[in-house]
Protein backbone atom coordinates (compact mmCIF):
# COMPACT_ATOMS: atom_id res chain seq x y z
CA MET A 1 0.00 0.00 0.00
CA ARG A 2 2.83 2.34 0.90
CA LYS A 3 4.55 1.49 -2.39
CA ALA A 4 1.35 2.28 -4.26
CA LEU A 5 0.98 5.58 -2.45
CA ARG A 6 4.63 6.47 -3.14
CA TRP A 7 4.14 5.57 -6.80
CA LEU A 8 0.96 7.68 -6.98
CA LEU A 9 2.70 10.62 -5.30
CA ALA A 10 5.63 10.38 -7.70
CA LEU A 11 3.25 10.25 -10.63
CA THR A 12 1.41 13.32 -9.36
CA VAL A 13 4.69 15.25 -8.98
CA LEU A 14 5.76 14.16 -12.47
CA ILE A 15 2.46 15.27 -13.99
CA GLY A 16 2.73 18.58 -12.13
CA THR A 17 6.25 19.08 -13.40
CA LEU A 18 5.23 18.38 -16.97
CA SER A 19 2.23 20.67 -16.64
CA THR A 20 4.43 23.45 -15.30
CA ALA A 21 6.93 22.92 -18.11
CA GLY A 22 4.11 22.96 -20.63
CA ALA A 23 2.72 26.15 -19.16
CA ALA A 24 6.16 27.76 -19.27
CA THR A 25 6.60 26.75 -22.90
CA ALA A 26 3.20 28.11 -23.82
CA ALA A 27 3.75 31.44 -22.04
CA PRO A 28 4.11 34.45 -24.37
CA THR A 29 7.69 35.07 -25.44
CA PRO A 30 9.13 38.43 -26.61
CA GLU A 31 8.95 37.12 -30.18
CA ALA A 32 5.25 36.36 -29.79
CA THR A 33 4.41 39.88 -28.56
CA ASP A 34 2.93 42.26 -31.12
CA ILE A 35 5.75 44.12 -32.87
CA LYS A 36 4.11 47.47 -32.25
CA ASP A 37 4.13 46.84 -28.52
CA ARG A 38 7.75 45.72 -28.64
CA LEU A 39 8.84 48.84 -30.51
CA LEU A 40 6.94 51.16 -28.19
CA ALA A 41 8.44 49.41 -25.17
CA VAL A 42 11.87 50.71 -26.20
CA PRO A 43 12.74 53.71 -23.98
CA GLY A 44 12.54 56.93 -25.99
CA ILE A 45 10.41 55.58 -28.85
CA SER A 46 6.93 56.96 -29.47
CA LEU A 47 4.43 56.32 -32.26
CA ILE A 48 3.56 58.94 -34.88
CA GLU A 49 1.47 56.64 -37.05
CA GLU A 50 1.15 53.16 -38.50
CA LYS A 51 0.41 52.66 -42.19
CA PRO A 52 -0.76 49.36 -43.65
CA TYR A 53 1.08 47.55 -46.43
CA PRO A 54 0.49 43.94 -47.55
CA GLY A 55 2.99 41.56 -46.00
CA TYR A 56 4.51 44.18 -43.69
CA ARG A 57 3.86 46.43 -40.73
CA PHE A 58 5.03 50.01 -41.31
CA PHE A 59 5.59 52.44 -38.46
CA VAL A 60 6.57 56.11 -38.36
CA LEU A 61 8.19 56.77 -34.99
CA ASN A 62 10.01 59.38 -32.96
CA TYR A 63 13.13 58.52 -30.99
CA THR A 64 14.59 60.73 -28.27
CA GLN A 65 18.23 61.52 -29.06
CA PRO A 66 20.80 63.64 -27.22
CA VAL A 67 21.76 66.81 -29.05
CA ASP A 68 25.37 66.08 -28.11
CA HIS A 69 26.44 62.45 -27.75
CA ARG A 70 29.50 63.55 -25.78
CA HIS A 71 27.30 65.31 -23.23
CA PRO A 72 23.90 63.53 -23.26
CA SER A 73 22.61 65.57 -20.32
CA LYS A 74 22.71 68.81 -22.33
CA GLY A 75 19.36 68.49 -24.07
CA THR A 76 17.51 66.13 -26.40
CA PHE A 77 15.48 66.24 -29.60
CA GLN A 78 13.01 63.99 -31.39
CA GLN A 79 14.41 62.17 -34.43
CA ARG A 80 12.06 60.47 -36.89
CA ILE A 81 12.60 56.86 -37.84
CA THR A 82 10.49 54.42 -39.78
CA VAL A 83 10.33 50.66 -39.45
CA LEU A 84 9.22 48.39 -42.29
CA HIS A 85 8.67 45.20 -40.32
CA LYS A 86 8.61 41.79 -41.96
CA ASP A 87 9.74 39.29 -39.33
CA VAL A 88 12.17 39.35 -36.42
CA SER A 89 13.72 36.18 -37.83
CA ARG A 90 14.84 38.07 -40.97
CA PRO A 91 17.93 40.30 -41.36
CA THR A 92 17.51 44.06 -41.09
CA VAL A 93 18.67 46.83 -43.42
CA PHE A 94 19.46 50.21 -41.86
CA TYR A 95 18.76 52.87 -44.50
CA THR A 96 19.91 56.49 -44.39
CA GLY A 97 19.03 58.96 -47.13
CA GLY A 98 21.11 61.76 -45.59
CA TYR A 99 18.13 64.12 -45.72
CA ASN A 100 14.49 63.85 -44.63
CA VAL A 101 13.01 60.39 -44.20
CA SER A 102 10.02 59.31 -46.26
CA THR A 103 6.95 58.54 -44.17
CA ASN A 104 5.55 56.18 -46.80
CA PRO A 105 6.47 52.49 -47.06
CA GLY A 106 9.47 51.88 -49.29
CA ARG A 107 12.03 49.11 -49.69
CA ARG A 108 15.63 49.79 -50.69
CA GLU A 109 17.48 47.39 -52.98
CA PRO A 110 19.40 45.51 -50.24
CA THR A 111 16.14 45.02 -48.34
CA GLN A 112 14.63 43.35 -51.39
CA ILE A 113 17.77 41.27 -51.94
CA VAL A 114 17.78 39.86 -48.39
CA ASP A 115 13.97 39.87 -47.99
CA GLY A 116 14.31 41.60 -44.65
CA ASN A 117 13.15 44.36 -42.36
CA GLN A 118 14.13 47.97 -42.94
CA VAL A 119 14.83 50.73 -40.43
CA SER A 120 15.12 54.21 -41.97
CA LEU A 121 16.52 57.24 -40.17
CA GLU A 122 16.02 60.95 -40.78
CA TYR A 123 19.29 62.85 -40.68
CA ARG A 124 19.68 65.14 -37.70
CA TYR A 125 18.78 68.83 -38.17
CA PHE A 126 16.46 68.15 -41.11
CA THR A 127 13.03 69.39 -40.06
CA PRO A 128 11.33 68.15 -37.90
CA SER A 129 14.33 66.21 -36.52
CA ARG A 130 16.00 69.40 -35.32
CA PRO A 131 16.77 70.59 -31.79
CA ALA A 132 15.17 73.86 -30.73
CA PRO A 133 17.08 76.06 -30.44
CA ALA A 134 19.53 74.56 -32.91
CA ASP A 135 23.18 74.45 -31.90
CA TRP A 136 24.65 73.98 -35.38
CA SER A 137 28.05 73.01 -34.02
CA LYS A 138 26.46 69.66 -33.12
CA LEU A 139 25.71 68.89 -36.76
CA ASP A 140 28.66 66.79 -37.89
CA ILE A 141 29.32 63.30 -39.18
CA TRP A 142 30.39 61.95 -35.77
CA GLN A 143 27.21 63.10 -34.04
CA ALA A 144 25.10 61.67 -36.88
CA ALA A 145 26.90 58.34 -36.55
CA GLY A 146 26.08 58.46 -32.86
CA ASP A 147 22.40 58.80 -33.76
CA GLN A 148 22.58 55.64 -35.85
CA HIS A 149 24.47 53.73 -33.21
CA ARG A 150 21.84 54.46 -30.56
CA VAL A 151 18.99 53.44 -32.89
CA PHE A 152 20.81 50.22 -33.76
CA ALA A 153 21.56 49.42 -30.11
CA ALA A 154 17.92 50.02 -29.19
CA LEU A 155 16.46 47.86 -31.98
CA LYS A 156 19.03 45.07 -32.15
CA LYS A 157 17.27 43.43 -29.19
CA ILE A 158 14.11 43.20 -31.27
CA TYR A 159 15.83 42.34 -34.57
CA PRO A 160 18.69 40.04 -33.50
CA LYS A 161 19.73 38.75 -36.94
CA ASN A 162 22.39 40.37 -39.13
CA TRP A 163 22.19 44.07 -40.00
CA LEU A 164 23.37 45.85 -43.15
CA SER A 165 23.58 49.61 -43.57
CA THR A 166 22.82 51.29 -46.88
CA GLY A 167 22.09 54.65 -48.45
CA GLY A 168 22.32 56.54 -51.71
CA SER A 169 24.39 59.66 -52.39
CA LYS A 170 24.56 61.64 -49.13
CA GLY A 171 22.95 58.58 -47.59
CA GLY A 172 25.78 56.43 -48.95
CA MET A 173 28.24 58.85 -47.43
CA THR A 174 26.33 58.63 -44.14
CA ALA A 175 26.45 54.82 -44.15
CA THR A 176 30.20 54.99 -44.77
CA TYR A 177 30.84 57.47 -41.96
CA TYR A 178 28.78 55.31 -39.60
CA GLU A 179 30.97 52.33 -40.47
CA ARG A 180 34.08 54.38 -39.87
CA PHE A 181 33.05 55.39 -36.34
CA TYR A 182 31.16 52.22 -35.35
CA PRO A 183 32.77 49.40 -37.35
CA ARG A 184 31.41 46.67 -35.07
CA ASP A 185 27.71 47.53 -35.47
CA MET A 186 26.93 46.40 -39.01
CA ASP A 187 27.61 43.11 -40.74
CA GLY A 188 27.95 44.84 -44.12
CA VAL A 189 27.62 48.17 -45.91
CA VAL A 190 26.13 48.90 -49.35
CA ALA A 191 26.88 52.52 -50.27
CA TYR A 192 25.42 53.83 -53.52
CA VAL A 193 26.90 56.75 -55.53
CA ALA A 194 28.71 58.16 -52.48
CA PRO A 195 30.94 61.19 -53.23
CA ASN A 196 34.29 61.38 -51.47
CA ASP A 197 35.76 64.89 -51.60
CA VAL A 198 39.05 64.27 -49.82
CA VAL A 199 40.74 67.54 -50.81
CA ASN A 200 38.12 70.25 -51.12
CA ASP A 201 40.27 72.63 -53.17
CA GLU A 202 41.31 70.06 -55.79
CA ASP A 203 38.42 69.34 -58.14
CA SER A 204 40.05 68.67 -61.50
CA ALA A 205 38.45 65.22 -61.64
CA TYR A 206 35.11 66.89 -62.31
CA ASP A 207 36.51 68.90 -65.22
CA ARG A 208 37.90 65.71 -66.77
CA PHE A 209 34.52 64.04 -66.34
CA PHE A 210 32.58 66.79 -68.15
CA ALA A 211 35.09 66.83 -70.99
CA SER A 212 34.41 63.19 -71.87
CA VAL A 213 31.01 62.07 -70.51
CA GLY A 214 28.43 60.79 -72.99
CA THR A 215 28.90 61.89 -76.58
CA LYS A 216 30.29 65.09 -78.07
CA GLU A 217 26.92 65.83 -79.64
CA CYS A 218 25.16 65.67 -76.28
CA ARG A 219 27.86 67.68 -74.50
CA ASP A 220 27.68 70.36 -77.19
CA ARG A 221 23.89 70.64 -76.87
CA LEU A 222 24.03 71.02 -73.11
CA ASN A 223 26.92 73.49 -73.15
CA ALA A 224 25.17 75.61 -75.77
CA VAL A 225 21.92 75.86 -73.79
CA GLN A 226 23.82 76.72 -70.62
CA ARG A 227 25.80 79.43 -72.43
CA GLU A 228 22.69 80.81 -74.13
CA ALA A 229 20.92 81.14 -70.77
CA LEU A 230 23.75 83.43 -69.64
CA VAL A 231 23.90 85.34 -72.93
CA ARG A 232 20.16 86.05 -72.57
CA ARG A 233 20.48 86.88 -68.91
CA GLU A 234 18.59 90.17 -69.06
CA PRO A 235 15.29 88.97 -70.61
CA LEU A 236 15.33 85.67 -68.73
CA GLU A 237 15.99 87.40 -65.42
CA ARG A 238 12.94 89.59 -66.04
CA ARG A 239 10.93 86.40 -66.39
CA TYR A 240 12.60 85.08 -63.24
CA ALA A 241 11.64 88.21 -61.31
CA ALA A 242 8.02 87.88 -62.44
CA ASP A 243 8.02 84.21 -61.53
CA ALA A 244 9.52 85.01 -58.11
CA ALA A 245 6.90 87.67 -57.44
CA GLU A 246 4.10 85.31 -58.41
CA ASN A 247 5.39 82.53 -56.14
CA GLY A 248 6.63 84.67 -53.26
CA TYR A 249 10.30 83.80 -53.73
CA THR A 250 12.91 85.89 -51.91
CA PHE A 251 16.72 85.82 -52.18
CA THR A 252 18.06 87.04 -48.84
CA THR A 253 20.37 84.08 -48.19
CA VAL A 254 22.08 83.92 -51.58
CA GLY A 255 22.15 87.73 -51.80
CA SER A 256 20.27 88.60 -54.98
CA LEU A 257 18.09 87.28 -57.77
CA ASP A 258 21.09 87.65 -60.10
CA ARG A 259 23.20 85.33 -57.96
CA ALA A 260 20.37 82.81 -57.74
CA TYR A 261 19.81 82.91 -61.50
CA GLU A 262 23.44 82.19 -62.32
CA ALA A 263 23.59 79.40 -59.74
CA VAL A 264 20.61 77.69 -61.37
CA VAL A 265 22.07 78.04 -64.86
CA LEU A 266 25.50 76.74 -63.84
CA ASP A 267 23.86 73.65 -62.33
CA TYR A 268 22.29 72.79 -65.68
CA VAL A 269 24.92 70.51 -67.24
CA TRP A 270 25.75 68.86 -63.93
CA GLY A 271 22.06 68.32 -63.20
CA PHE A 272 21.45 66.69 -66.56
CA TRP A 273 24.13 64.04 -66.11
CA GLN A 274 23.22 63.49 -62.46
CA TYR A 275 19.58 62.71 -63.16
CA SER A 276 19.27 61.89 -66.87
CA LEU A 277 20.53 59.27 -69.29
CA LEU A 278 22.34 59.75 -72.56
CA SER A 279 19.11 58.89 -74.37
CA ASP A 280 17.48 61.94 -72.76
CA CYS A 281 19.72 64.23 -74.79
CA ALA A 282 17.04 64.22 -77.48
CA SER A 283 14.97 66.47 -75.19
CA ILE A 284 17.64 69.20 -75.16
CA PRO A 285 17.22 71.99 -77.77
CA ALA A 286 19.35 71.00 -80.75
CA ASP A 287 20.26 74.58 -81.71
CA ALA A 288 20.34 76.80 -78.66
CA ALA A 289 21.20 79.92 -80.68
CA THR A 290 17.88 79.76 -82.56
CA ALA A 291 15.79 78.44 -79.66
CA THR A 292 13.20 80.76 -78.17
CA ASP A 293 13.61 82.29 -74.73
CA ASP A 294 10.77 80.05 -73.59
CA GLU A 295 12.56 76.92 -74.81
CA ILE A 296 15.77 77.90 -73.01
CA TRP A 297 13.86 78.76 -69.83
CA LYS A 298 11.89 75.52 -69.79
CA SER A 299 14.95 73.35 -70.42
CA VAL A 300 16.91 74.97 -67.58
CA ASP A 301 13.92 74.95 -65.24
CA ALA A 302 13.18 71.28 -65.92
CA ILE A 303 16.72 70.21 -65.05
CA SER A 304 17.94 72.75 -62.49
CA GLY A 305 14.73 74.28 -61.10
CA PHE A 306 14.51 78.06 -60.75
CA SER A 307 13.18 77.77 -57.20
CA ALA A 308 16.30 75.99 -55.95
CA TYR A 309 18.27 79.03 -54.75
CA ALA A 310 15.37 81.13 -53.48
CA ASP A 311 15.16 81.29 -49.69
CA GLN A 312 12.16 78.99 -49.88
CA GLY A 313 14.11 76.39 -51.87
CA LEU A 314 17.24 76.61 -49.74
CA ALA A 315 15.55 76.42 -46.32
CA THR A 316 14.96 72.65 -46.41
CA TYR A 317 18.59 72.01 -47.28
CA THR A 318 20.33 74.30 -44.82
CA PRO A 319 21.72 71.25 -42.93
CA TYR A 320 23.28 69.89 -46.12
CA TYR A 321 24.93 73.18 -47.11
CA TYR A 322 26.15 73.62 -43.55
CA GLN A 323 27.83 70.21 -43.67
CA ALA A 324 29.23 70.83 -47.16
CA GLY A 325 30.82 74.03 -45.86
CA THR A 326 32.16 72.53 -42.64
CA GLN A 327 33.16 68.92 -43.41
CA LEU A 328 31.89 67.32 -46.63
CA GLY A 329 33.34 69.77 -49.13
CA ALA A 330 31.75 70.98 -52.36
CA PRO A 331 32.82 70.80 -56.01
CA THR A 332 34.08 73.69 -58.12
CA ILE A 333 34.32 73.27 -61.89
CA HIS A 334 35.30 75.36 -64.89
CA PHE A 335 33.13 76.21 -67.90
CA PRO A 336 35.38 76.17 -70.98
CA ALA A 337 32.41 76.53 -73.38
CA ILE A 338 31.35 79.87 -71.84
CA GLU A 339 33.28 83.11 -72.18
CA LYS A 340 34.36 84.55 -68.84
CA LYS A 341 32.43 87.77 -69.45
CA TYR A 342 29.17 85.86 -69.04
CA ILE A 343 30.06 84.31 -65.67
CA ARG A 344 29.95 86.67 -62.71
CA TYR A 345 30.16 84.36 -59.70
CA GLY A 346 31.05 80.83 -60.80
CA TYR A 347 30.17 77.92 -58.53
CA GLN A 348 29.37 79.65 -55.27
CA PRO A 349 30.59 78.15 -51.97
CA PRO A 350 28.18 76.56 -49.48
CA ARG A 351 28.59 79.60 -47.22
CA ASN A 352 26.43 81.54 -49.72
CA PHE A 353 23.52 79.14 -49.21
CA VAL A 354 23.40 79.17 -45.40
CA PRO A 355 21.89 82.07 -43.42
CA ARG A 356 24.64 84.36 -42.14
CA ASP A 357 23.59 84.04 -38.52
CA ILE A 358 24.79 80.40 -38.58
CA PRO A 359 28.59 80.33 -38.08
CA MET A 360 30.64 77.98 -40.27
CA ARG A 361 34.27 76.87 -40.29
CA PHE A 362 35.66 74.22 -42.62
CA GLN A 363 37.43 71.18 -41.15
CA PRO A 364 39.81 69.91 -43.87
CA GLY A 365 40.78 66.74 -41.99
CA ALA A 366 37.30 65.23 -41.69
CA MET A 367 37.06 63.63 -45.14
CA ARG A 368 40.74 62.68 -45.24
CA ASP A 369 40.24 60.72 -42.03
CA VAL A 370 37.29 58.78 -43.46
CA ASP A 371 39.04 58.16 -46.78
CA THR A 372 42.16 56.81 -45.06
CA TRP A 373 40.07 54.57 -42.83
CA VAL A 374 38.12 53.10 -45.76
CA ARG A 375 41.26 52.42 -47.79
CA HIS A 376 42.93 50.52 -44.97
CA ASN A 377 40.09 49.13 -42.86
CA ALA A 378 37.06 48.48 -45.07
CA ARG A 379 35.38 45.16 -44.23
CA HIS A 380 32.27 43.89 -46.00
CA MET A 381 31.75 47.17 -47.87
CA LEU A 382 30.30 47.57 -51.36
CA PHE A 383 30.41 50.89 -53.25
CA VAL A 384 28.28 51.22 -56.41
CA TYR A 385 28.71 54.15 -58.82
CA GLY A 386 27.17 55.23 -62.12
CA GLN A 387 29.42 55.70 -65.14
CA ASN A 388 27.71 58.96 -66.15
CA ASP A 389 27.21 60.40 -62.68
CA PRO A 390 29.39 63.48 -62.03
CA TRP A 391 29.43 62.79 -58.28
CA GLY A 392 31.38 59.60 -58.96
CA SER A 393 34.33 61.62 -60.22
CA GLU A 394 35.62 61.75 -56.66
CA ARG A 395 34.77 58.42 -55.12
CA PHE A 396 35.80 55.98 -52.42
CA ARG A 397 38.64 53.65 -53.32
CA LEU A 398 40.07 50.60 -51.60
CA GLY A 399 43.64 49.97 -50.49
CA LYS A 400 45.54 46.82 -49.59
CA GLY A 401 44.07 46.78 -46.11
CA ALA A 402 40.49 46.37 -47.33
CA LYS A 403 38.94 42.91 -46.98
CA ASP A 404 35.92 41.45 -48.78
CA SER A 405 35.07 44.92 -50.12
CA TYR A 406 34.33 46.15 -53.65
CA VAL A 407 33.92 49.24 -55.84
CA PHE A 408 31.75 48.66 -58.93
CA THR A 409 30.56 51.00 -61.70
CA ALA A 410 27.25 50.55 -63.53
CA PRO A 411 27.75 51.29 -67.25
CA GLY A 412 25.71 54.16 -68.67
CA LEU A 413 23.90 54.87 -65.41
CA ASN A 414 23.57 58.09 -63.47
CA HIS A 415 23.04 59.02 -59.81
CA GLY A 416 20.48 56.23 -59.58
CA ALA A 417 23.02 53.46 -60.19
CA ASN A 418 22.36 50.22 -58.32
CA VAL A 419 23.35 46.57 -58.13
CA ALA A 420 20.68 45.66 -60.70
CA GLY A 421 22.47 47.89 -63.22
CA LEU A 422 25.90 46.27 -62.92
CA VAL A 423 27.32 43.99 -65.57
CA ALA A 424 26.28 40.36 -65.05
CA ASP A 425 29.30 38.98 -63.18
CA GLN A 426 29.56 41.99 -60.85
CA LYS A 427 25.80 41.94 -60.24
CA ALA A 428 25.94 38.27 -59.26
CA LEU A 429 28.98 38.79 -57.01
CA ALA A 430 27.48 41.85 -55.32
CA THR A 431 24.18 40.04 -54.72
CA ALA A 432 25.96 36.99 -53.31
CA ARG A 433 28.08 39.07 -50.95
CA ILE A 434 25.06 41.05 -49.70
CA LEU A 435 23.26 37.77 -48.96
CA ALA A 436 26.32 36.38 -47.21
CA TRP A 437 26.83 39.51 -45.08
CA ALA A 438 23.16 39.35 -44.12
CA GLY A 439 23.69 35.79 -42.90
CA VAL A 440 21.23 34.38 -45.43
CA PRO A 441 22.05 31.00 -47.01
CA ALA A 442 22.72 31.64 -50.67
CA PRO A 443 23.37 29.49 -53.73
CA ALA A 444 26.48 29.71 -55.88
CA VAL A 445 27.49 33.23 -56.92
CA SER A 446 26.29 32.70 -60.47
CA GLN A 447 22.82 31.85 -59.17
CA ALA A 448 22.51 34.66 -56.60
CA ARG A 449 19.20 36.51 -56.92
CA PRO A 450 17.13 38.85 -54.72
CA LEU A 451 15.08 36.75 -52.32
CA ALA A 452 11.97 38.96 -52.46
CA LYS A 453 9.91 39.47 -55.60
CA PHE A 454 10.03 42.96 -57.08
CA ASP A 455 7.20 45.21 -55.89
CA ALA A 456 6.60 48.22 -58.16
CA LYS A 457 5.21 50.32 -55.31
CA LEU A 458 7.58 49.23 -52.58
CA ASP A 459 10.88 48.93 -54.45
CA VAL A 460 12.00 52.41 -55.42
CA ARG A 461 14.37 52.27 -58.37
CA ASP A 462 14.29 55.89 -59.53
CA VAL A 463 17.24 58.16 -58.81
CA GLU A 464 17.00 59.90 -55.45
CA ARG A 465 16.54 63.43 -56.71
CA GLU A 466 17.56 66.47 -54.72
CA PRO A 467 17.13 69.85 -56.45
CA ALA A 468 20.23 71.82 -57.47
CA LEU A 469 23.84 70.81 -56.89
CA ARG A 470 23.33 68.38 -54.01
CA PRO A 471 24.34 64.72 -53.72
């Protein structure tokens, strides 16, 4: 009887143990919690809105950041981020555009390749992600990298798989600077069309580019329209003044309508090659000398945009021009097809496009430091450039110290160059390396393909266009 009772007691304990284990297994885990709740549980994150998209959850969020990462107690600001959530078991792509963040769902090329999640970050000091009042001395590449590092550290607990950083143009620069200052955060970097102005005062590479890009016929057309716009300065500036009055444009920052007009015209050839293809040359007036004023105006306006250097056009981009004039550098080119008597100002420095009450001082060592680091320390980094993109004239290059890193050029493409536009063997290699860095099992290099099907609404493939001479 005692044996039976002991056996029954043991059985009861065993059943209780199994029941407890079963209950523990069935209890909600962090992975089973709704992703919205998990994101909002992160200290400093708050919800702006959620937008539906098939197969994803898309959130627009604010994240509390210190104005100064060296002294976090000296004030904070709200920085916008977006999260395109697929699954916590997938890799995550950290996208930076270098400017404002889009609040609509969008998937960058690496996100499609790895079929992953995407976190997108608005660059500090772009409205509304700007401290008030704004201490502009805290707008630099190190502070911006600190923003990314804090976002990554906060979200890595939710998205534990591999992370890749990416961005186009200024966003590609941003991804590169982040890697330089926090090389242990990301598992790989895909930087598109990222300029690298190591020596700000030496810009001859741009002059060589414009002397040979495309075809002579196309170059001659563009140069002729640009010259004609300066030859006809007086009548076209009258039209500009009328247009400015109608739209409420003012020119306090740049100094005058005349300065703004010339800046727009001198951006014309650069803007064409940045955003257009050689095939688009057919849209340029074939004989500028006999073209009407209206034809010249419309061609320049379509490519450069006459609102670009008005106060209203410049205001959004004050953070970019501030950085160009303090760390990033800015190009200066010559105009051999235009007589000097028609050019009054030439390419104006970034200082001319930033309100005078914001102090600026250039730091010549900032880009040299990044360039040296990339040459000797790049790991799992891919740089993609467009053959016909002027910004690629000064680009990142790799030295002997670089490992598993690549610089590829897409033939015939512009500032919208991407992996899909590379020649076949480079495209396959780039895709395979992106998959490998993301920790996704991949087939042989020759068979490497994006894991997610192309979505015409979600997968943006157009060039990231910023008005005027901006990367």
